[in-house]
Amino acid sequence: MTNIDLERNAISLVEATDFGGLTYLQELNLKGNSITNVEPGSFSSLASLKVLYLSDNPLKCLPKYGLQGLSSAHTIYMANTKLAVFPVPCKGTGCLSELTCKLGG
């Protein structure tokens, strides 16, 4: 499986064990849910992930290592969230070339 579309599924929390074993996943769409929190390590098994959609969620907090493991990610969409601060350093996103977000939205 290379793509998972979980858009608009009323997900409120991304837990560290949610995506275990999905080592070949390349695109994950979590857009338009009710996600307010992402646990550290939630994406740590997604080394092949290239695109992550987190836009349109009431995400208020992203822990310092919340994106850890996304070593192949080149695009992360986080527009229309409630993030007031983006964690720096953004560990685990070595190939990131595009980050789309509207902080404090």
PDB file of N, CA and C in Angstrom:
ATOM      1  N   MET A   1       0.851  -1.174   0.000  1.00  0.00           N
ATOM      2  CA  MET A   1       0.000   0.000   0.000  1.00  0.00           C
ATOM      3  C   MET A   1       0.898   1.239   0.000  1.00  0.00           C
ATOM      4  N   THR A   2       0.630   2.150  -0.945  1.00  0.00           N
ATOM      5  CA  THR A   2       1.451   3.350  -1.030  1.00  0.00           C
ATOM      6  C   THR A   2       0.693   4.626  -0.688  1.00  0.00           C
ATOM      7  N   ASN A   3      -0.630   4.610  -0.737  1.00  0.00           N
ATOM      8  CA  ASN A   3      -1.439   5.791  -0.421  1.00  0.00           C
ATOM      9  C   ASN A   3      -2.567   5.414   0.534  1.00  0.00           C
ATOM     10  N   ILE A   4      -2.787   6.294   1.522  1.00  0.00           N
ATOM     11  CA  ILE A   4      -3.936   6.139   2.410  1.00  0.00           C
ATOM     12  C   ILE A   4      -4.651   7.480   2.492  1.00  0.00           C
ATOM     13  N   ASP A   5      -5.936   7.467   2.229  1.00  0.00           N
ATOM     14  CA  ASP A   5      -6.752   8.674   2.302  1.00  0.00           C
ATOM     15  C   ASP A   5      -7.721   8.545   3.471  1.00  0.00           C
ATOM     16  N   LEU A   6      -7.441   9.272   4.541  1.00  0.00           N
ATOM     17  CA  LEU A   6      -8.302   9.279   5.728  1.00  0.00           C
ATOM     18  C   LEU A   6      -8.960  10.650   5.909  1.00  0.00           C
ATOM     19  N   GLU A   7      -9.127  11.365   4.814  1.00  0.00           N
ATOM     20  CA  GLU A   7      -9.726  12.694   4.862  1.00  0.00           C
ATOM     21  C   GLU A   7     -11.149  12.629   5.397  1.00  0.00           C
ATOM     22  N   ARG A   8     -11.455  13.548   6.308  1.00  0.00           N
ATOM     23  CA  ARG A   8     -12.786  13.712   6.899  1.00  0.00           C
ATOM     24  C   ARG A   8     -13.314  12.435   7.561  1.00  0.00           C
ATOM     25  N   ASN A   9     -12.525  11.901   8.492  1.00  0.00           N
ATOM     26  CA  ASN A   9     -12.914  10.692   9.219  1.00  0.00           C
ATOM     27  C   ASN A   9     -13.081  10.931  10.720  1.00  0.00           C
ATOM     28  N   ALA A  10     -13.172  12.180  11.137  1.00  0.00           N
ATOM     29  CA  ALA A  10     -13.371  12.545  12.547  1.00  0.00           C
ATOM     30  C   ALA A  10     -12.253  12.030  13.451  1.00  0.00           C
ATOM     31  N   ILE A  11     -11.045  11.905  12.924  1.00  0.00           N
ATOM     32  CA  ILE A  11      -9.875  11.514  13.724  1.00  0.00           C
ATOM     33  C   ILE A  11      -9.481  12.704  14.590  1.00  0.00           C
ATOM     34  N   SER A  12      -9.270  12.485  15.889  1.00  0.00           N
ATOM     35  CA  SER A  12      -8.924  13.601  16.775  1.00  0.00           C
ATOM     36  C   SER A  12      -7.505  13.524  17.328  1.00  0.00           C
ATOM     37  N   LEU A  13      -6.905  12.350  17.275  1.00  0.00           N
ATOM     38  CA  LEU A  13      -5.563  12.156  17.831  1.00  0.00           C
ATOM     39  C   LEU A  13      -4.776  11.227  16.929  1.00  0.00           C
ATOM     40  N   VAL A  14      -3.537  11.575  16.652  1.00  0.00           N
ATOM     41  CA  VAL A  14      -2.642  10.685  15.918  1.00  0.00           C
ATOM     42  C   VAL A  14      -1.689  10.096  16.955  1.00  0.00           C
ATOM     43  N   GLU A  15      -1.817   8.796  17.178  1.00  0.00           N
ATOM     44  CA  GLU A  15      -1.028   8.123  18.202  1.00  0.00           C
ATOM     45  C   GLU A  15       0.231   7.502  17.612  1.00  0.00           C
ATOM     46  N   ALA A  16       1.211   7.275  18.462  1.00  0.00           N
ATOM     47  CA  ALA A  16       2.507   6.749  18.041  1.00  0.00           C
ATOM     48  C   ALA A  16       2.400   5.384  17.369  1.00  0.00           C
ATOM     49  N   THR A  17       1.340   4.638  17.626  1.00  0.00           N
ATOM     50  CA  THR A  17       1.203   3.289  17.070  1.00  0.00           C
ATOM     51  C   THR A  17       0.275   3.217  15.849  1.00  0.00           C
ATOM     52  N   ASP A  18      -0.294   4.328  15.431  1.00  0.00           N
ATOM     53  CA  ASP A  18      -1.299   4.319  14.367  1.00  0.00           C
ATOM     54  C   ASP A  18      -0.794   3.830  13.007  1.00  0.00           C
ATOM     55  N   PHE A  19       0.437   4.119  12.658  1.00  0.00           N
ATOM     56  CA  PHE A  19       0.915   3.813  11.315  1.00  0.00           C
ATOM     57  C   PHE A  19       2.089   2.840  11.303  1.00  0.00           C
ATOM     58  N   GLY A  20       2.235   2.066  12.347  1.00  0.00           N
ATOM     59  CA  GLY A  20       3.292   1.067  12.424  1.00  0.00           C
ATOM     60  C   GLY A  20       3.172   0.039  11.317  1.00  0.00           C
ATOM     61  N   GLY A  21       4.291  -0.328  10.728  1.00  0.00           N
ATOM     62  CA  GLY A  21       4.300  -1.360   9.705  1.00  0.00           C
ATOM     63  C   GLY A  21       3.991  -0.880   8.296  1.00  0.00           C
ATOM     64  N   LEU A  22       3.726   0.404   8.118  1.00  0.00           N
ATOM     65  CA  LEU A  22       3.408   0.933   6.790  1.00  0.00           C
ATOM     66  C   LEU A  22       4.661   1.537   6.152  1.00  0.00           C
ATOM     67  N   THR A  23       5.697   0.736   6.077  1.00  0.00           N
ATOM     68  CA  THR A  23       7.012   1.227   5.649  1.00  0.00           C
ATOM     69  C   THR A  23       7.061   1.677   4.191  1.00  0.00           C
ATOM     70  N   TYR A  24       6.124   1.242   3.349  1.00  0.00           N
ATOM     71  CA  TYR A  24       6.133   1.624   1.937  1.00  0.00           C
ATOM     72  C   TYR A  24       5.150   2.747   1.612  1.00  0.00           C
ATOM     73  N   LEU A  25       4.473   3.256   2.621  1.00  0.00           N
ATOM     74  CA  LEU A  25       3.493   4.321   2.412  1.00  0.00           C
ATOM     75  C   LEU A  25       4.190   5.569   1.881  1.00  0.00           C
ATOM     76  N   GLN A  26       3.645   6.145   0.803  1.00  0.00           N
ATOM     77  CA  GLN A  26       4.240   7.330   0.190  1.00  0.00           C
ATOM     78  C   GLN A  26       3.388   8.585   0.351  1.00  0.00           C
ATOM     79  N   GLU A  27       2.082   8.417   0.535  1.00  0.00           N
ATOM     80  CA  GLU A  27       1.207   9.572   0.685  1.00  0.00           C
ATOM     81  C   GLU A  27       0.151   9.267   1.741  1.00  0.00           C
ATOM     82  N   LEU A  28       0.019  10.188   2.701  1.00  0.00           N
ATOM     83  CA  LEU A  28      -0.950  10.031   3.784  1.00  0.00           C
ATOM     84  C   LEU A  28      -1.792  11.296   3.875  1.00  0.00           C
ATOM     85  N   ASN A  29      -3.099  11.140   3.697  1.00  0.00           N
ATOM     86  CA  ASN A  29      -4.019  12.267   3.742  1.00  0.00           C
ATOM     87  C   ASN A  29      -4.836  12.209   5.028  1.00  0.00           C
ATOM     88  N   LEU A  30      -4.562  13.148   5.937  1.00  0.00           N
ATOM     89  CA  LEU A  30      -5.314  13.285   7.186  1.00  0.00           C
ATOM     90  C   LEU A  30      -6.072  14.620   7.199  1.00  0.00           C
ATOM     91  N   LYS A  31      -6.267  15.189   6.046  1.00  0.00           N
ATOM     92  CA  LYS A  31      -6.901  16.501   5.904  1.00  0.00           C
ATOM     93  C   LYS A  31      -8.356  16.472   6.381  1.00  0.00           C
ATOM     94  N   GLY A  32      -8.783  17.582   6.992  1.00  0.00           N
ATOM     95  CA  GLY A  32     -10.187  17.766   7.317  1.00  0.00           C
ATOM     96  C   GLY A  32     -10.729  16.885   8.418  1.00  0.00           C
ATOM     97  N   ASN A  33      -9.884  16.484   9.345  1.00  0.00           N
ATOM     98  CA  ASN A  33     -10.337  15.705  10.491  1.00  0.00           C
ATOM     99  C   ASN A  33     -10.509  16.626  11.694  1.00  0.00           C
ATOM    100  N   SER A  34     -10.435  16.082  12.869  1.00  0.00           N
ATOM    101  CA  SER A  34     -10.540  16.857  14.112  1.00  0.00           C
ATOM    102  C   SER A  34      -9.262  16.710  14.930  1.00  0.00           C
ATOM    103  N   ILE A  35      -8.143  16.560  14.259  1.00  0.00           N
ATOM    104  CA  ILE A  35      -6.866  16.296  14.923  1.00  0.00           C
ATOM    105  C   ILE A  35      -6.410  17.524  15.701  1.00  0.00           C
ATOM    106  N   THR A  36      -6.249  17.344  17.008  1.00  0.00           N
ATOM    107  CA  THR A  36      -5.740  18.413  17.869  1.00  0.00           C
ATOM    108  C   THR A  36      -4.342  18.105  18.384  1.00  0.00           C
ATOM    109  N   ASN A  37      -3.928  16.831  18.284  1.00  0.00           N
ATOM    110  CA  ASN A  37      -2.633  16.446  18.831  1.00  0.00           C
ATOM    111  C   ASN A  37      -2.006  15.328  18.003  1.00  0.00           C
ATOM    112  N   VAL A  38      -0.701  15.417  17.830  1.00  0.00           N
ATOM    113  CA  VAL A  38       0.093  14.376  17.181  1.00  0.00           C
ATOM    114  C   VAL A  38       1.141  13.942  18.193  1.00  0.00           C
ATOM    115  N   GLU A  39       1.103  12.688  18.592  1.00  0.00           N
ATOM    116  CA  GLU A  39       2.069  12.198  19.575  1.00  0.00           C
ATOM    117  C   GLU A  39       3.455  12.085  18.949  1.00  0.00           C
ATOM    118  N   PRO A  40       4.509  12.319  19.738  1.00  0.00           N
ATOM    119  CA  PRO A  40       5.865  12.114  19.225  1.00  0.00           C
ATOM    120  C   PRO A  40       6.015  10.684  18.716  1.00  0.00           C
ATOM    121  N   GLY A  41       6.658  10.530  17.574  1.00  0.00           N
ATOM    122  CA  GLY A  41       6.880   9.209  17.007  1.00  0.00           C
ATOM    123  C   GLY A  41       5.735   8.674  16.179  1.00  0.00           C
ATOM    124  N   SER A  42       4.679   9.445  15.984  1.00  0.00           N
ATOM    125  CA  SER A  42       3.513   8.975  15.225  1.00  0.00           C
ATOM    126  C   SER A  42       3.855   8.602  13.790  1.00  0.00           C
ATOM    127  N   PHE A  43       4.852   9.250  13.223  1.00  0.00           N
ATOM    128  CA  PHE A  43       5.225   8.999  11.836  1.00  0.00           C
ATOM    129  C   PHE A  43       6.590   8.317  11.719  1.00  0.00           C
ATOM    130  N   SER A  44       7.110   7.818  12.825  1.00  0.00           N
ATOM    131  CA  SER A  44       8.484   7.297  12.844  1.00  0.00           C
ATOM    132  C   SER A  44       8.707   6.075  11.961  1.00  0.00           C
ATOM    133  N   SER A  45       7.669   5.331  11.628  1.00  0.00           N
ATOM    134  CA  SER A  45       7.836   4.148  10.774  1.00  0.00           C
ATOM    135  C   SER A  45       7.574   4.460   9.300  1.00  0.00           C
ATOM    136  N   LEU A  46       7.350   5.725   8.976  1.00  0.00           N
ATOM    137  CA  LEU A  46       6.973   6.104   7.607  1.00  0.00           C
ATOM    138  C   LEU A  46       8.158   6.688   6.838  1.00  0.00           C
ATOM    139  N   ALA A  47       9.240   5.954   6.784  1.00  0.00           N
ATOM    140  CA  ALA A  47      10.462   6.433   6.136  1.00  0.00           C
ATOM    141  C   ALA A  47      10.300   6.671   4.641  1.00  0.00           C
ATOM    142  N   SER A  48       9.315   6.059   4.003  1.00  0.00           N
ATOM    143  CA  SER A  48       9.102   6.224   2.557  1.00  0.00           C
ATOM    144  C   SER A  48       8.081   7.312   2.228  1.00  0.00           C
ATOM    145  N   LEU A  49       7.449   7.890   3.257  1.00  0.00           N
ATOM    146  CA  LEU A  49       6.398   8.886   3.025  1.00  0.00           C
ATOM    147  C   LEU A  49       6.965  10.118   2.334  1.00  0.00           C
ATOM    148  N   LYS A  50       6.317  10.534   1.265  1.00  0.00           N
ATOM    149  CA  LYS A  50       6.763  11.697   0.510  1.00  0.00           C
ATOM    150  C   LYS A  50       5.854  12.902   0.727  1.00  0.00           C
ATOM    151  N   VAL A  51       4.533  12.663   0.903  1.00  0.00           N
ATOM    152  CA  VAL A  51       3.579  13.758   1.051  1.00  0.00           C
ATOM    153  C   VAL A  51       2.660  13.468   2.238  1.00  0.00           C
ATOM    154  N   LEU A  52       2.522  14.472   3.112  1.00  0.00           N
ATOM    155  CA  LEU A  52       1.652  14.369   4.280  1.00  0.00           C
ATOM    156  C   LEU A  52       0.689  15.547   4.275  1.00  0.00           C
ATOM    157  N   TYR A  53      -0.600  15.248   4.369  1.00  0.00           N
ATOM    158  CA  TYR A  53      -1.639  16.283   4.432  1.00  0.00           C
ATOM    159  C   TYR A  53      -2.191  16.348   5.850  1.00  0.00           C
ATOM    160  N   LEU A  54      -1.973  17.473   6.521  1.00  0.00           N
ATOM    161  CA  LEU A  54      -2.538  17.714   7.857  1.00  0.00           C
ATOM    162  C   LEU A  54      -3.411  18.967   7.869  1.00  0.00           C
ATOM    163  N   SER A  55      -3.658  19.550   6.717  1.00  0.00           N
ATOM    164  CA  SER A  55      -4.440  20.789   6.616  1.00  0.00           C
ATOM    165  C   SER A  55      -5.869  20.600   7.122  1.00  0.00           C
ATOM    166  N   ASP A  56      -6.464  21.721   7.494  1.00  0.00           N
ATOM    167  CA  ASP A  56      -7.874  21.763   7.898  1.00  0.00           C
ATOM    168  C   ASP A  56      -8.169  20.891   9.110  1.00  0.00           C
ATOM    169  N   ASN A  57      -7.272  20.940  10.085  1.00  0.00           N
ATOM    170  CA  ASN A  57      -7.441  20.277  11.378  1.00  0.00           C
ATOM    171  C   ASN A  57      -7.244  21.323  12.466  1.00  0.00           C
ATOM    172  N   PRO A  58      -7.916  21.202  13.594  1.00  0.00           N
ATOM    173  CA  PRO A  58      -7.719  22.159  14.688  1.00  0.00           C
ATOM    174  C   PRO A  58      -6.458  21.852  15.499  1.00  0.00           C
ATOM    175  N   LEU A  59      -5.405  21.458  14.813  1.00  0.00           N
ATOM    176  CA  LEU A  59      -4.134  21.090  15.434  1.00  0.00           C
ATOM    177  C   LEU A  59      -3.542  22.291  16.154  1.00  0.00           C
ATOM    178  N   LYS A  60      -3.385  22.167  17.462  1.00  0.00           N
ATOM    179  CA  LYS A  60      -2.878  23.274  18.276  1.00  0.00           C
ATOM    180  C   LYS A  60      -1.425  23.090  18.669  1.00  0.00           C
ATOM    181  N   CYS A  61      -0.986  21.834  18.713  1.00  0.00           N
ATOM    182  CA  CYS A  61       0.351  21.550  19.215  1.00  0.00           C
ATOM    183  C   CYS A  61       0.992  20.454  18.374  1.00  0.00           C
ATOM    184  N   LEU A  62       2.202  20.687  17.977  1.00  0.00           N
ATOM    185  CA  LEU A  62       2.994  19.673  17.298  1.00  0.00           C
ATOM    186  C   LEU A  62       4.285  19.542  18.085  1.00  0.00           C
ATOM    187  N   PRO A  63       4.504  18.408  18.731  1.00  0.00           N
ATOM    188  CA  PRO A  63       5.697  18.266  19.561  1.00  0.00           C
ATOM    189  C   PRO A  63       6.975  18.363  18.734  1.00  0.00           C
ATOM    190  N   LYS A  64       8.065  18.670  19.406  1.00  0.00           N
ATOM    191  CA  LYS A  64       9.354  18.863  18.741  1.00  0.00           C
ATOM    192  C   LYS A  64       9.697  17.712  17.810  1.00  0.00           C
ATOM    193  N   TYR A  65       9.372  16.500  18.197  1.00  0.00           N
ATOM    194  CA  TYR A  65       9.686  15.338  17.365  1.00  0.00           C
ATOM    195  C   TYR A  65       8.420  14.741  16.729  1.00  0.00           C
ATOM    196  N   GLY A  66       7.413  15.551  16.548  1.00  0.00           N
ATOM    197  CA  GLY A  66       6.149  15.084  15.982  1.00  0.00           C
ATOM    198  C   GLY A  66       6.245  14.633  14.536  1.00  0.00           C
ATOM    199  N   LEU A  67       7.245  15.130  13.812  1.00  0.00           N
ATOM    200  CA  LEU A  67       7.424  14.749  12.412  1.00  0.00           C
ATOM    201  C   LEU A  67       8.625  13.819  12.229  1.00  0.00           C
ATOM    202  N   GLN A  68       9.149  13.328  13.307  1.00  0.00           N
ATOM    203  CA  GLN A  68      10.308  12.440  13.258  1.00  0.00           C
ATOM    204  C   GLN A  68      10.005  11.198  12.426  1.00  0.00           C
ATOM    205  N   GLY A  69      10.949  10.810  11.598  1.00  0.00           N
ATOM    206  CA  GLY A  69      10.801   9.624  10.773  1.00  0.00           C
ATOM    207  C   GLY A  69      10.431   9.929   9.340  1.00  0.00           C
ATOM    208  N   LEU A  70      10.095  11.171   9.059  1.00  0.00           N
ATOM    209  CA  LEU A  70       9.691  11.538   7.698  1.00  0.00           C
ATOM    210  C   LEU A  70      10.920  11.937   6.868  1.00  0.00           C
ATOM    211  N   SER A  71      11.887  11.055   6.817  1.00  0.00           N
ATOM    212  CA  SER A  71      13.161  11.358   6.166  1.00  0.00           C
ATOM    213  C   SER A  71      13.055  11.488   4.645  1.00  0.00           C
ATOM    214  N   SER A  72      12.004  10.964   4.039  1.00  0.00           N
ATOM    215  CA  SER A  72      11.813  11.071   2.587  1.00  0.00           C
ATOM    216  C   SER A  72      10.761  12.108   2.206  1.00  0.00           C
ATOM    217  N   ALA A  73      10.124  12.703   3.186  1.00  0.00           N
ATOM    218  CA  ALA A  73       9.046  13.669   2.911  1.00  0.00           C
ATOM    219  C   ALA A  73       9.588  14.894   2.190  1.00  0.00           C
ATOM    220  N   HIS A  74       8.904  15.267   1.119  1.00  0.00           N
ATOM    221  CA  HIS A  74       9.280  16.496   0.432  1.00  0.00           C
ATOM    222  C   HIS A  74       8.195  17.556   0.548  1.00  0.00           C
ATOM    223  N   THR A  75       6.960  17.169   0.916  1.00  0.00           N
ATOM    224  CA  THR A  75       5.879  18.139   1.045  1.00  0.00           C
ATOM    225  C   THR A  75       4.993  17.783   2.235  1.00  0.00           C
ATOM    226  N   ILE A  76       4.765  18.783   3.094  1.00  0.00           N
ATOM    227  CA  ILE A  76       3.836  18.630   4.218  1.00  0.00           C
ATOM    228  C   ILE A  76       2.870  19.809   4.167  1.00  0.00           C
ATOM    229  N   TYR A  77       1.592  19.502   4.060  1.00  0.00           N
ATOM    230  CA  TYR A  77       0.559  20.536   4.019  1.00  0.00           C
ATOM    231  C   TYR A  77      -0.050  20.681   5.406  1.00  0.00           C
ATOM    232  N   MET A  78       0.018  21.891   5.964  1.00  0.00           N
ATOM    233  CA  MET A  78      -0.519  22.155   7.299  1.00  0.00           C
ATOM    234  C   MET A  78      -1.308  23.457   7.330  1.00  0.00           C
ATOM    235  N   ALA A  79      -1.898  23.842   6.227  1.00  0.00           N
ATOM    236  CA  ALA A  79      -2.675  25.076   6.165  1.00  0.00           C
ATOM    237  C   ALA A  79      -3.960  24.930   6.978  1.00  0.00           C
ATOM    238  N   ASN A  80      -4.443  26.052   7.466  1.00  0.00           N
ATOM    239  CA  ASN A  80      -5.709  26.111   8.204  1.00  0.00           C
ATOM    240  C   ASN A  80      -5.715  25.223   9.446  1.00  0.00           C
ATOM    241  N   THR A  81      -4.650  25.319  10.202  1.00  0.00           N
ATOM    242  CA  THR A  81      -4.588  24.677  11.513  1.00  0.00           C
ATOM    243  C   THR A  81      -4.584  25.784  12.559  1.00  0.00           C
ATOM    244  N   LYS A  82      -4.526  25.403  13.815  1.00  0.00           N
ATOM    245  CA  LYS A  82      -4.485  26.384  14.889  1.00  0.00           C
ATOM    246  C   LYS A  82      -3.098  26.442  15.540  1.00  0.00           C
ATOM    247  N   LEU A  83      -2.089  25.978  14.815  1.00  0.00           N
ATOM    248  CA  LEU A  83      -0.726  26.023  15.325  1.00  0.00           C
ATOM    249  C   LEU A  83      -0.293  27.473  15.501  1.00  0.00           C
ATOM    250  N   ALA A  84       0.189  27.784  16.675  1.00  0.00           N
ATOM    251  CA  ALA A  84       0.716  29.117  16.925  1.00  0.00           C
ATOM    252  C   ALA A  84       2.232  29.127  16.740  1.00  0.00           C
ATOM    253  N   VAL A  85       2.854  27.976  16.953  1.00  0.00           N
ATOM    254  CA  VAL A  85       4.300  27.851  16.842  1.00  0.00           C
ATOM    255  C   VAL A  85       4.623  26.557  16.121  1.00  0.00           C
ATOM    256  N   PHE A  86       5.587  26.618  15.231  1.00  0.00           N
ATOM    257  CA  PHE A  86       6.045  25.403  14.555  1.00  0.00           C
ATOM    258  C   PHE A  86       7.343  24.965  15.221  1.00  0.00           C
ATOM    259  N   PRO A  87       7.453  23.682  15.545  1.00  0.00           N
ATOM    260  CA  PRO A  87       8.629  23.214  16.266  1.00  0.00           C
ATOM    261  C   PRO A  87       9.897  23.269  15.428  1.00  0.00           C
ATOM    262  N   VAL A  88      10.921  23.871  15.997  1.00  0.00           N
ATOM    263  CA  VAL A  88      12.227  23.928  15.356  1.00  0.00           C
ATOM    264  C   VAL A  88      13.222  23.389  16.363  1.00  0.00           C
ATOM    265  N   PRO A  89      14.103  22.493  16.025  1.00  0.00           N
ATOM    266  CA  PRO A  89      14.292  21.988  14.685  1.00  0.00           C
ATOM    267  C   PRO A  89      13.223  20.962  14.324  1.00  0.00           C
ATOM    268  N   CYS A  90      12.953  20.872  13.062  1.00  0.00           N
ATOM    269  CA  CYS A  90      11.967  19.923  12.537  1.00  0.00           C
ATOM    270  C   CYS A  90      12.695  18.619  12.245  1.00  0.00           C
ATOM    271  N   LYS A  91      12.970  17.861  13.258  1.00  0.00           N
ATOM    272  CA  LYS A  91      13.766  16.637  13.152  1.00  0.00           C
ATOM    273  C   LYS A  91      13.090  15.604  12.264  1.00  0.00           C
ATOM    274  N   GLY A  92      13.899  14.933  11.456  1.00  0.00           N
ATOM    275  CA  GLY A  92      13.406  13.800  10.677  1.00  0.00           C
ATOM    276  C   GLY A  92      12.807  14.158   9.349  1.00  0.00           C
ATOM    277  N   THR A  93      12.985  15.387   8.886  1.00  0.00           N
ATOM    278  CA  THR A  93      12.432  15.782   7.597  1.00  0.00           C
ATOM    279  C   THR A  93      13.567  16.220   6.680  1.00  0.00           C
ATOM    280  N   GLY A  94      14.520  15.354   6.460  1.00  0.00           N
ATOM    281  CA  GLY A  94      15.724  15.661   5.704  1.00  0.00           C
ATOM    282  C   GLY A  94      15.515  16.122   4.276  1.00  0.00           C
ATOM    283  N   CYS A  95      14.497  15.674   3.588  1.00  0.00           N
ATOM    284  CA  CYS A  95      14.286  16.004   2.166  1.00  0.00           C
ATOM    285  C   CYS A  95      13.194  17.048   1.970  1.00  0.00           C
ATOM    286  N   LEU A  96      12.700  17.633   3.013  1.00  0.00           N
ATOM    287  CA  LEU A  96      11.559  18.535   2.916  1.00  0.00           C
ATOM    288  C   LEU A  96      11.883  19.720   2.015  1.00  0.00           C
ATOM    289  N   SER A  97      11.083  19.889   0.944  1.00  0.00           N
ATOM    290  CA  SER A  97      11.283  21.013   0.043  1.00  0.00           C
ATOM    291  C   SER A  97      10.109  21.974   0.066  1.00  0.00           C
ATOM    292  N   GLU A  98       8.963  21.541   0.624  1.00  0.00           N
ATOM    293  CA  GLU A  98       7.802  22.421   0.687  1.00  0.00           C
ATOM    294  C   GLU A  98       7.019  22.185   1.958  1.00  0.00           C
ATOM    295  N   LEU A  99       6.743  23.255   2.666  1.00  0.00           N
ATOM    296  CA  LEU A  99       5.907  23.217   3.869  1.00  0.00           C
ATOM    297  C   LEU A  99       4.868  24.303   3.685  1.00  0.00           C
ATOM    298  N   THR A 100       3.609  23.917   3.568  1.00  0.00           N
ATOM    299  CA  THR A 100       2.530  24.868   3.378  1.00  0.00           C
ATOM    300  C   THR A 100       1.747  24.969   4.669  1.00  0.00           C
ATOM    301  N   CYS A 101       1.788  26.144   5.290  1.00  0.00           N
ATOM    302  CA  CYS A 101       1.018  26.301   6.525  1.00  0.00           C
ATOM    303  C   CYS A 101       0.628  27.754   6.729  1.00  0.00           C
ATOM    304  N   LYS A 102      -0.404  27.917   7.519  1.00  0.00           N
ATOM    305  CA  LYS A 102      -0.876  29.232   7.930  1.00  0.00           C
ATOM    306  C   LYS A 102      -0.950  29.154   9.438  1.00  0.00           C
ATOM    307  N   LEU A 103       0.098  29.617  10.108  1.00  0.00           N
ATOM    308  CA  LEU A 103       0.182  29.500  11.553  1.00  0.00           C
ATOM    309  C   LEU A 103      -0.774  30.455  12.244  1.00  0.00           C
ATOM    310  N   GLY A 104      -1.359  29.964  13.344  1.00  0.00           N
ATOM    311  CA  GLY A 104      -2.253  30.797  14.140  1.00  0.00           C
ATOM    312  C   GLY A 104      -3.572  31.069  13.481  1.00  0.00           C
ATOM    313  N   GLY A 105      -3.957  30.228  12.520  1.00  0.00           N
ATOM    314  CA  GLY A 105      -5.173  30.429  11.723  1.00  0.00           C
ATOM    315  C   GLY A 105      -6.352  30.066  12.408  1.00  0.00           C
TER     316      GLY A 105
END
